[in-house]
Every structure is written in C-alpha cells, then in structure tokens.
Amino acid sequence: MDRKFYIICGHYGCGKSNYSINLALKLAAEGRKVILMDLDLVNPYFLSSGYRDMLEEKGIQVIAPMFANSNVETPALPAEMNLVFETDKDVVMDVGGDDAGSVVLGRYHEQLNNVDYEMIYLINHYRNLTATPAETAEVLHQIEEASRCKAKAVVANSHLKQETTWDVVKNAIPYAKETAEELNLPLKAVTIPSALSEDEAVKEEMKTMDIPWEPVEIYVKAPWE
C-alpha cells in the first residue's frame, strides 16, 4: 500500500497534538511505518521527551523543530524534514494553530501536491473563535490560504480537557454536523476519550447514534493536570 500524508490542522487548543499522537500510534499498530512531524513553530512544546520515548518505542520516527522543549525562543525546522517526501513511511504532520501556525506548510506545498495527502480539520466547539459553524469555517479558510493546502475532512474533537463528560461530547455533535455541512466536507469522525467510551451507559447511547466514533487516549496534558 502506498504511503500517505496526514496534515492535522485547526484552531489553537483544539487538541491537534493529542490527536496526531493517537493517529500515529493507530497507524503503527496497523503495521504501517510512521513519521510524526511536529510542525508547530508557534508553540512547539507538546513533544516532551516522554512522548518521544513512547512513540519511538512503538517504532514511530519523531521529527521536531530544533530546540523544541528548550528555552530557545525561535525554534527552526531541521533539514531532515525535507527528507520525509523521499521515504516510504506514512507521515503525520501536527501543524501549529490557525493561519499563523499553518504558514510553515506553504514551503512544502509543491511537494504535498505531488503526494497523497489528507488535511484533516480538527474542530472544538468549546474553544474561543470556533464556537459557531460560521466562525469555525472562517478559521479554516484562513488556514487554507496560509498553507496553500485544502482540507479534505473534518474531525470533531470537542472537549473541556479533564472536565470532558459524555454530555460535553454529545452536545457538540449538532455543531460538528453543521460545520461539516457549512464547509461541504465529510465529517470523518467524532472523538471521545477512550475511558469515557468504555462506560456501559455511554456505550449503549453511542450505539443509537449514527456517528463515526473515534476513541482517543489522552496523552497531552498541561503540567498541572
């Protein structure tokens, strides 16, 4: 099977890094060879050594900005990032928030146009500036303009961090459907914390809903969580 590029974009704080880690681990579990690229030059601190160690133990190659997780204020893209277009591995690109973070994709747009890529727009109903479908659509338009790439699917990742409950997830589903319709894109999945999806009452209610569910483990947490 040919390799594929997955570009994970979205508004600040929507959960791109956590989703990218889950996706990379899922692909690796399916026997795929995987590279996870941290392209967040706006706030390139999600890949702590703990995440890197966990990912590399699963055979996932991690490429992060030089000096990420350090006190250097201006991280730089390592030269090896250019080599991902010459490998036979699947590539998961975790892109910085909004149009500011997506500008970095512009330097790769010619290479991306020559590979099979899927840009996934991650949305969170509970984040400022993406509370309504119209606002959320506008953020994507800005990301697409900055990145010179086009989104191909929406993934709803509505959460309130450690306060996420079944009602938090469920109540954001109409927003997810309306946003996907507004953008004329398929709703690829609705995420739910894995622990929550194992609750028996939640399981039964999930079965009654025509939703492409995607359980995710919560790896990325703030220091105080």
C-alpha atoms as a PDB file:
ATOM      1  CA  MET A   1       0.000   0.000   0.000  1.00  0.00           C
ATOM      2  CA  ASP A   2       1.325   3.474  -0.886  1.00  0.00           C
ATOM      3  CA  ARG A   3       2.277   5.804   1.921  1.00  0.00           C
ATOM      4  CA  LYS A   4       0.035   8.720   2.875  1.00  0.00           C
ATOM      5  CA  PHE A   5       0.435  12.145   4.459  1.00  0.00           C
ATOM      6  CA  TYR A   6      -1.988  13.263   7.171  1.00  0.00           C
ATOM      7  CA  ILE A   7      -1.973  17.000   7.918  1.00  0.00           C
ATOM      8  CA  ILE A   8      -3.675  17.831  11.221  1.00  0.00           C
ATOM      9  CA  CYS A   9      -4.698  21.489  11.398  1.00  0.00           C
ATOM     10  CA  GLY A  10      -7.075  23.564  13.492  1.00  0.00           C
ATOM     11  CA  HIS A  11      -7.589  26.361  15.970  1.00  0.00           C
ATOM     12  CA  TYR A  12      -5.295  26.833  18.966  1.00  0.00           C
ATOM     13  CA  GLY A  13      -6.076  24.362  21.743  1.00  0.00           C
ATOM     14  CA  CYS A  14      -8.404  22.136  19.736  1.00  0.00           C
ATOM     15  CA  GLY A  15      -6.290  19.055  20.522  1.00  0.00           C
ATOM     16  CA  LYS A  16      -4.189  18.650  17.363  1.00  0.00           C
ATOM     17  CA  SER A  17      -1.141  17.286  19.153  1.00  0.00           C
ATOM     18  CA  ASN A  18      -3.064  14.678  21.112  1.00  0.00           C
ATOM     19  CA  TYR A  19      -4.968  13.609  18.002  1.00  0.00           C
ATOM     20  CA  SER A  20      -1.738  13.413  15.986  1.00  0.00           C
ATOM     21  CA  ILE A  21      -0.181  11.115  18.585  1.00  0.00           C
ATOM     22  CA  ASN A  22      -3.268   8.891  18.569  1.00  0.00           C
ATOM     23  CA  LEU A  23      -3.264   8.723  14.776  1.00  0.00           C
ATOM     24  CA  ALA A  24       0.443   7.883  14.597  1.00  0.00           C
ATOM     25  CA  LEU A  25       0.027   5.115  17.181  1.00  0.00           C
ATOM     26  CA  LYS A  26      -3.011   3.742  15.372  1.00  0.00           C
ATOM     27  CA  LEU A  27      -1.158   3.586  12.052  1.00  0.00           C
ATOM     28  CA  ALA A  28       1.825   1.898  13.707  1.00  0.00           C
ATOM     29  CA  ALA A  29      -0.485  -0.664  15.336  1.00  0.00           C
ATOM     30  CA  GLU A  30      -1.792  -1.486  11.855  1.00  0.00           C
ATOM     31  CA  GLY A  31       1.742  -2.333  10.797  1.00  0.00           C
ATOM     32  CA  ARG A  32       2.447   0.903   8.984  1.00  0.00           C
ATOM     33  CA  LYS A  33       5.823   2.641   9.108  1.00  0.00           C
ATOM     34  CA  VAL A  34       5.185   6.115  10.512  1.00  0.00           C
ATOM     35  CA  ILE A  35       6.848   9.501  10.933  1.00  0.00           C
ATOM     36  CA  LEU A  36       5.310  12.073  13.266  1.00  0.00           C
ATOM     37  CA  MET A  37       6.360  15.613  12.327  1.00  0.00           C
ATOM     38  CA  ASP A  38       5.880  18.398  14.845  1.00  0.00           C
ATOM     39  CA  LEU A  39       5.430  21.445  12.617  1.00  0.00           C
ATOM     40  CA  ASP A  40       4.301  23.738  15.420  1.00  0.00           C
ATOM     41  CA  LEU A  41       6.698  26.678  15.383  1.00  0.00           C
ATOM     42  CA  VAL A  42       4.204  28.847  17.270  1.00  0.00           C
ATOM     43  CA  ASN A  43       4.211  26.720  20.419  1.00  0.00           C
ATOM     44  CA  PRO A  44       6.474  23.728  19.746  1.00  0.00           C
ATOM     45  CA  TYR A  45       6.421  22.145  23.164  1.00  0.00           C
ATOM     46  CA  PHE A  46       3.962  19.251  23.003  1.00  0.00           C
ATOM     47  CA  LEU A  47       6.568  16.568  22.245  1.00  0.00           C
ATOM     48  CA  SER A  48       8.195  16.259  25.631  1.00  0.00           C
ATOM     49  CA  SER A  49      10.822  13.574  25.969  1.00  0.00           C
ATOM     50  CA  GLY A  50       8.138  11.346  27.469  1.00  0.00           C
ATOM     51  CA  TYR A  51       6.000  11.447  24.345  1.00  0.00           C
ATOM     52  CA  ARG A  52       9.024  10.988  22.106  1.00  0.00           C
ATOM     53  CA  ASP A  53      10.167   7.947  24.078  1.00  0.00           C
ATOM     54  CA  MET A  54       6.701   6.398  23.965  1.00  0.00           C
ATOM     55  CA  LEU A  55       6.374   6.962  20.232  1.00  0.00           C
ATOM     56  CA  GLU A  56       9.833   5.697  19.396  1.00  0.00           C
ATOM     57  CA  GLU A  57       9.209   2.554  21.461  1.00  0.00           C
ATOM     58  CA  LYS A  58       6.343   1.859  19.043  1.00  0.00           C
ATOM     59  CA  GLY A  59       8.670   2.299  16.066  1.00  0.00           C
ATOM     60  CA  ILE A  60       7.454   5.806  15.205  1.00  0.00           C
ATOM     61  CA  GLN A  61      10.091   8.245  13.984  1.00  0.00           C
ATOM     62  CA  VAL A  62       9.700  11.687  15.559  1.00  0.00           C
ATOM     63  CA  ILE A  63      10.873  14.848  13.828  1.00  0.00           C
ATOM     64  CA  ALA A  64      10.510  18.053  15.850  1.00  0.00           C
ATOM     65  CA  PRO A  65      11.738  21.644  15.493  1.00  0.00           C
ATOM     66  CA  MET A  66      15.278  22.178  16.609  1.00  0.00           C
ATOM     67  CA  PHE A  67      15.389  23.406  20.210  1.00  0.00           C
ATOM     68  CA  ALA A  68      11.766  22.434  20.900  1.00  0.00           C
ATOM     69  CA  ASN A  69      11.175  21.924  24.633  1.00  0.00           C
ATOM     70  CA  SER A  70      14.120  24.199  25.390  1.00  0.00           C
ATOM     71  CA  ASN A  71      14.481  27.826  26.430  1.00  0.00           C
ATOM     72  CA  VAL A  72      15.426  28.912  22.914  1.00  0.00           C
ATOM     73  CA  GLU A  73      12.746  31.316  21.714  1.00  0.00           C
ATOM     74  CA  THR A  74      12.991  30.727  17.962  1.00  0.00           C
ATOM     75  CA  PRO A  75      12.940  27.030  17.002  1.00  0.00           C
ATOM     76  CA  ALA A  76      13.981  26.030  13.488  1.00  0.00           C
ATOM     77  CA  LEU A  77      12.941  23.256  11.132  1.00  0.00           C
ATOM     78  CA  PRO A  78      15.632  20.581  10.856  1.00  0.00           C
ATOM     79  CA  ALA A  79      16.900  19.620   7.406  1.00  0.00           C
ATOM     80  CA  GLU A  80      15.563  16.080   7.826  1.00  0.00           C
ATOM     81  CA  MET A  81      12.045  17.434   7.420  1.00  0.00           C
ATOM     82  CA  ASN A  82      12.708  17.742   3.701  1.00  0.00           C
ATOM     83  CA  LEU A  83      13.552  14.041   3.529  1.00  0.00           C
ATOM     84  CA  VAL A  84      10.058  12.846   4.513  1.00  0.00           C
ATOM     85  CA  PHE A  85       8.968  13.249   0.905  1.00  0.00           C
ATOM     86  CA  GLU A  86      11.552  10.655  -0.109  1.00  0.00           C
ATOM     87  CA  THR A  87      10.641   7.939   2.395  1.00  0.00           C
ATOM     88  CA  ASP A  88       8.130   5.099   2.132  1.00  0.00           C
ATOM     89  CA  LYS A  89       6.581   5.909   5.519  1.00  0.00           C
ATOM     90  CA  ASP A  90       3.208   7.392   6.378  1.00  0.00           C
ATOM     91  CA  VAL A  91       3.651  10.939   7.685  1.00  0.00           C
ATOM     92  CA  VAL A  92       1.504  12.617  10.341  1.00  0.00           C
ATOM     93  CA  MET A  93       2.039  16.389  10.374  1.00  0.00           C
ATOM     94  CA  ASP A  94       0.988  18.208  13.535  1.00  0.00           C
ATOM     95  CA  VAL A  95       0.577  21.824  12.387  1.00  0.00           C
ATOM     96  CA  GLY A  96       0.554  24.943  14.578  1.00  0.00           C
ATOM     97  CA  GLY A  97      -2.691  26.701  15.375  1.00  0.00           C
ATOM     98  CA  ASP A  98      -4.649  28.890  12.957  1.00  0.00           C
ATOM     99  CA  ASP A  99      -3.155  30.624   9.917  1.00  0.00           C
ATOM    100  CA  ALA A 100      -0.013  31.712  11.807  1.00  0.00           C
ATOM    101  CA  GLY A 101       0.928  28.114  12.508  1.00  0.00           C
ATOM    102  CA  SER A 102      -0.075  26.900   9.057  1.00  0.00           C
ATOM    103  CA  VAL A 103       2.253  29.230   7.159  1.00  0.00           C
ATOM    104  CA  VAL A 104       5.024  26.662   7.549  1.00  0.00           C
ATOM    105  CA  LEU A 105       3.107  24.300   5.257  1.00  0.00           C
ATOM    106  CA  GLY A 106       3.481  26.829   2.456  1.00  0.00           C
ATOM    107  CA  ARG A 107       7.131  25.926   1.991  1.00  0.00           C
ATOM    108  CA  TYR A 108       6.099  22.315   1.361  1.00  0.00           C
ATOM    109  CA  HIS A 109       3.031  22.905  -0.811  1.00  0.00           C
ATOM    110  CA  GLU A 110       4.701  21.860  -4.057  1.00  0.00           C
ATOM    111  CA  GLN A 111       5.887  18.578  -2.549  1.00  0.00           C
ATOM    112  CA  LEU A 112       2.498  17.995  -0.938  1.00  0.00           C
ATOM    113  CA  ASN A 113       0.753  18.483  -4.269  1.00  0.00           C
ATOM    114  CA  ASN A 114       2.741  15.509  -5.561  1.00  0.00           C
ATOM    115  CA  VAL A 115       1.796  13.084  -2.775  1.00  0.00           C
ATOM    116  CA  ASP A 116      -1.393  11.558  -1.438  1.00  0.00           C
ATOM    117  CA  TYR A 117      -2.286  13.874   1.443  1.00  0.00           C
ATOM    118  CA  GLU A 118      -5.358  14.312   3.585  1.00  0.00           C
ATOM    119  CA  MET A 119      -5.607  17.586   5.503  1.00  0.00           C
ATOM    120  CA  ILE A 120      -7.872  16.986   8.483  1.00  0.00           C
ATOM    121  CA  TYR A 121      -9.512  19.991  10.113  1.00  0.00           C
ATOM    122  CA  LEU A 122      -9.865  19.353  13.842  1.00  0.00           C
ATOM    123  CA  ILE A 123     -12.637  21.358  15.492  1.00  0.00           C
ATOM    124  CA  ASN A 124     -13.595  22.025  19.097  1.00  0.00           C
ATOM    125  CA  HIS A 125     -16.954  23.623  19.849  1.00  0.00           C
ATOM    126  CA  TYR A 126     -15.706  24.871  23.212  1.00  0.00           C
ATOM    127  CA  ARG A 127     -12.790  26.987  22.026  1.00  0.00           C
ATOM    128  CA  ASN A 128     -12.962  30.745  21.617  1.00  0.00           C
ATOM    129  CA  LEU A 129     -13.387  31.783  17.937  1.00  0.00           C
ATOM    130  CA  THR A 130     -14.762  28.363  16.921  1.00  0.00           C
ATOM    131  CA  ALA A 131     -17.992  28.279  18.920  1.00  0.00           C
ATOM    132  CA  THR A 132     -20.229  28.502  15.835  1.00  0.00           C
ATOM    133  CA  PRO A 133     -20.064  26.805  12.420  1.00  0.00           C
ATOM    134  CA  ALA A 134     -19.574  30.181  10.701  1.00  0.00           C
ATOM    135  CA  GLU A 135     -16.630  31.120  12.944  1.00  0.00           C
ATOM    136  CA  THR A 136     -15.104  27.675  12.532  1.00  0.00           C
ATOM    137  CA  ALA A 137     -15.425  27.823   8.755  1.00  0.00           C
ATOM    138  CA  GLU A 138     -13.690  31.215   8.678  1.00  0.00           C
ATOM    139  CA  VAL A 139     -10.722  29.858  10.666  1.00  0.00           C
ATOM    140  CA  LEU A 140     -10.304  27.060   8.128  1.00  0.00           C
ATOM    141  CA  HIS A 141     -10.424  29.479   5.212  1.00  0.00           C
ATOM    142  CA  GLN A 142      -7.568  31.422   6.827  1.00  0.00           C
ATOM    143  CA  ILE A 143      -5.593  28.205   7.396  1.00  0.00           C
ATOM    144  CA  GLU A 144      -6.077  27.110   3.782  1.00  0.00           C
ATOM    145  CA  GLU A 145      -4.972  30.482   2.455  1.00  0.00           C
ATOM    146  CA  ALA A 146      -1.848  30.492   4.624  1.00  0.00           C
ATOM    147  CA  SER A 147      -0.912  26.868   3.975  1.00  0.00           C
ATOM    148  CA  ARG A 148      -1.906  26.693   0.300  1.00  0.00           C
ATOM    149  CA  CYS A 149      -3.396  23.287   1.101  1.00  0.00           C
ATOM    150  CA  LYS A 150      -7.041  22.224   1.092  1.00  0.00           C
ATOM    151  CA  ALA A 151      -8.818  20.421   3.918  1.00  0.00           C
ATOM    152  CA  LYS A 152     -10.442  17.162   2.908  1.00  0.00           C
ATOM    153  CA  ALA A 153     -12.285  16.141   6.086  1.00  0.00           C
ATOM    154  CA  VAL A 154     -13.480  17.369   9.470  1.00  0.00           C
ATOM    155  CA  VAL A 155     -12.844  15.620  12.775  1.00  0.00           C
ATOM    156  CA  ALA A 156     -14.865  16.861  15.746  1.00  0.00           C
ATOM    157  CA  ASN A 157     -12.722  16.912  18.881  1.00  0.00           C
ATOM    158  CA  SER A 158     -14.942  18.935  21.206  1.00  0.00           C
ATOM    159  CA  HIS A 159     -13.696  18.692  24.774  1.00  0.00           C
ATOM    160  CA  LEU A 160     -13.146  20.598  28.003  1.00  0.00           C
ATOM    161  CA  LYS A 161      -9.874  18.866  28.903  1.00  0.00           C
ATOM    162  CA  GLN A 162     -10.193  16.997  32.212  1.00  0.00           C
ATOM    163  CA  GLU A 163     -13.780  18.227  32.620  1.00  0.00           C
ATOM    164  CA  THR A 164     -14.956  16.428  29.489  1.00  0.00           C
ATOM    165  CA  THR A 165     -18.115  14.387  30.105  1.00  0.00           C
ATOM    166  CA  TRP A 166     -20.446  12.445  27.856  1.00  0.00           C
ATOM    167  CA  ASP A 167     -22.783  15.455  27.716  1.00  0.00           C
ATOM    168  CA  VAL A 168     -19.873  17.681  26.644  1.00  0.00           C
ATOM    169  CA  VAL A 169     -19.171  15.359  23.709  1.00  0.00           C
ATOM    170  CA  LYS A 170     -22.801  14.674  22.828  1.00  0.00           C
ATOM    171  CA  ASN A 171     -23.995  18.279  22.969  1.00  0.00           C
ATOM    172  CA  ALA A 172     -21.362  19.339  20.418  1.00  0.00           C
ATOM    173  CA  ILE A 173     -22.466  16.853  17.747  1.00  0.00           C
ATOM    174  CA  PRO A 174     -25.020  19.183  16.056  1.00  0.00           C
ATOM    175  CA  TYR A 175     -22.276  21.827  15.795  1.00  0.00           C
ATOM    176  CA  ALA A 176     -19.943  19.271  14.211  1.00  0.00           C
ATOM    177  CA  LYS A 177     -22.510  18.242  11.625  1.00  0.00           C
ATOM    178  CA  GLU A 178     -23.429  21.836  10.794  1.00  0.00           C
ATOM    179  CA  THR A 179     -19.765  22.834  10.464  1.00  0.00           C
ATOM    180  CA  ALA A 180     -19.022  19.960   8.093  1.00  0.00           C
ATOM    181  CA  GLU A 181     -22.072  20.929   6.040  1.00  0.00           C
ATOM    182  CA  GLU A 182     -21.008  24.593   6.031  1.00  0.00           C
ATOM    183  CA  LEU A 183     -17.593  23.561   4.698  1.00  0.00           C
ATOM    184  CA  ASN A 184     -19.009  20.944   2.312  1.00  0.00           C
ATOM    185  CA  LEU A 185     -16.608  18.397   3.813  1.00  0.00           C
ATOM    186  CA  PRO A 186     -17.261  14.922   5.233  1.00  0.00           C
ATOM    187  CA  LEU A 187     -17.426  14.507   8.993  1.00  0.00           C
ATOM    188  CA  LYS A 188     -14.703  11.885   9.237  1.00  0.00           C
ATOM    189  CA  ALA A 189     -15.046  11.192  12.961  1.00  0.00           C
ATOM    190  CA  VAL A 190     -16.227  12.414  16.329  1.00  0.00           C
ATOM    191  CA  THR A 191     -13.634  11.753  19.010  1.00  0.00           C
ATOM    192  CA  ILE A 192     -14.420  10.609  22.517  1.00  0.00           C
ATOM    193  CA  PRO A 193     -11.965   9.928  25.346  1.00  0.00           C
ATOM    194  CA  SER A 194     -11.310   6.178  25.399  1.00  0.00           C
ATOM    195  CA  ALA A 195     -12.085   5.871  29.109  1.00  0.00           C
ATOM    196  CA  LEU A 196     -15.429   7.598  28.592  1.00  0.00           C
ATOM    197  CA  SER A 197     -16.317   5.374  25.637  1.00  0.00           C
ATOM    198  CA  GLU A 198     -15.951   2.298  27.865  1.00  0.00           C
ATOM    199  CA  ASP A 199     -18.704   3.416  30.239  1.00  0.00           C
ATOM    200  CA  GLU A 200     -21.588   0.971  29.741  1.00  0.00           C
ATOM    201  CA  ALA A 201     -24.315   3.631  29.716  1.00  0.00           C
ATOM    202  CA  VAL A 202     -22.335   5.718  27.221  1.00  0.00           C
ATOM    203  CA  LYS A 203     -21.719   2.657  25.045  1.00  0.00           C
ATOM    204  CA  GLU A 204     -25.445   1.961  24.798  1.00  0.00           C
ATOM    205  CA  GLU A 205     -26.257   5.543  23.861  1.00  0.00           C
ATOM    206  CA  MET A 206     -23.441   5.663  21.295  1.00  0.00           C
ATOM    207  CA  LYS A 207     -24.980   2.641  19.556  1.00  0.00           C
ATOM    208  CA  THR A 208     -28.200   4.591  18.958  1.00  0.00           C
ATOM    209  CA  MET A 209     -26.395   7.410  17.128  1.00  0.00           C
ATOM    210  CA  ASP A 210     -25.293   7.346  13.516  1.00  0.00           C
ATOM    211  CA  ILE A 211     -21.856   8.790  14.270  1.00  0.00           C
ATOM    212  CA  PRO A 212     -18.366   7.741  13.088  1.00  0.00           C
ATOM    213  CA  TRP A 213     -16.921   7.491  16.611  1.00  0.00           C
ATOM    214  CA  GLU A 214     -13.167   7.544  17.246  1.00  0.00           C
ATOM    215  CA  PRO A 215     -11.970   6.846  20.811  1.00  0.00           C
ATOM    216  CA  VAL A 216      -8.746   8.670  21.714  1.00  0.00           C
ATOM    217  CA  GLU A 217      -6.343   8.275  24.582  1.00  0.00           C
ATOM    218  CA  ILE A 218      -5.472  11.478  26.426  1.00  0.00           C
ATOM    219  CA  TYR A 219      -1.707  11.785  26.243  1.00  0.00           C
ATOM    220  CA  VAL A 220      -1.129  15.545  26.103  1.00  0.00           C
ATOM    221  CA  LYS A 221      -1.847  17.285  29.367  1.00  0.00           C
ATOM    222  CA  ALA A 222      -0.950  20.598  30.926  1.00  0.00           C
ATOM    223  CA  PRO A 223       1.673  20.400  33.697  1.00  0.00           C
ATOM    224  CA  TRP A 224      -0.968  20.947  36.382  1.00  0.00           C
ATOM    225  CA  GLU A 225      -3.286  18.160  35.153  1.00  0.00           C
END
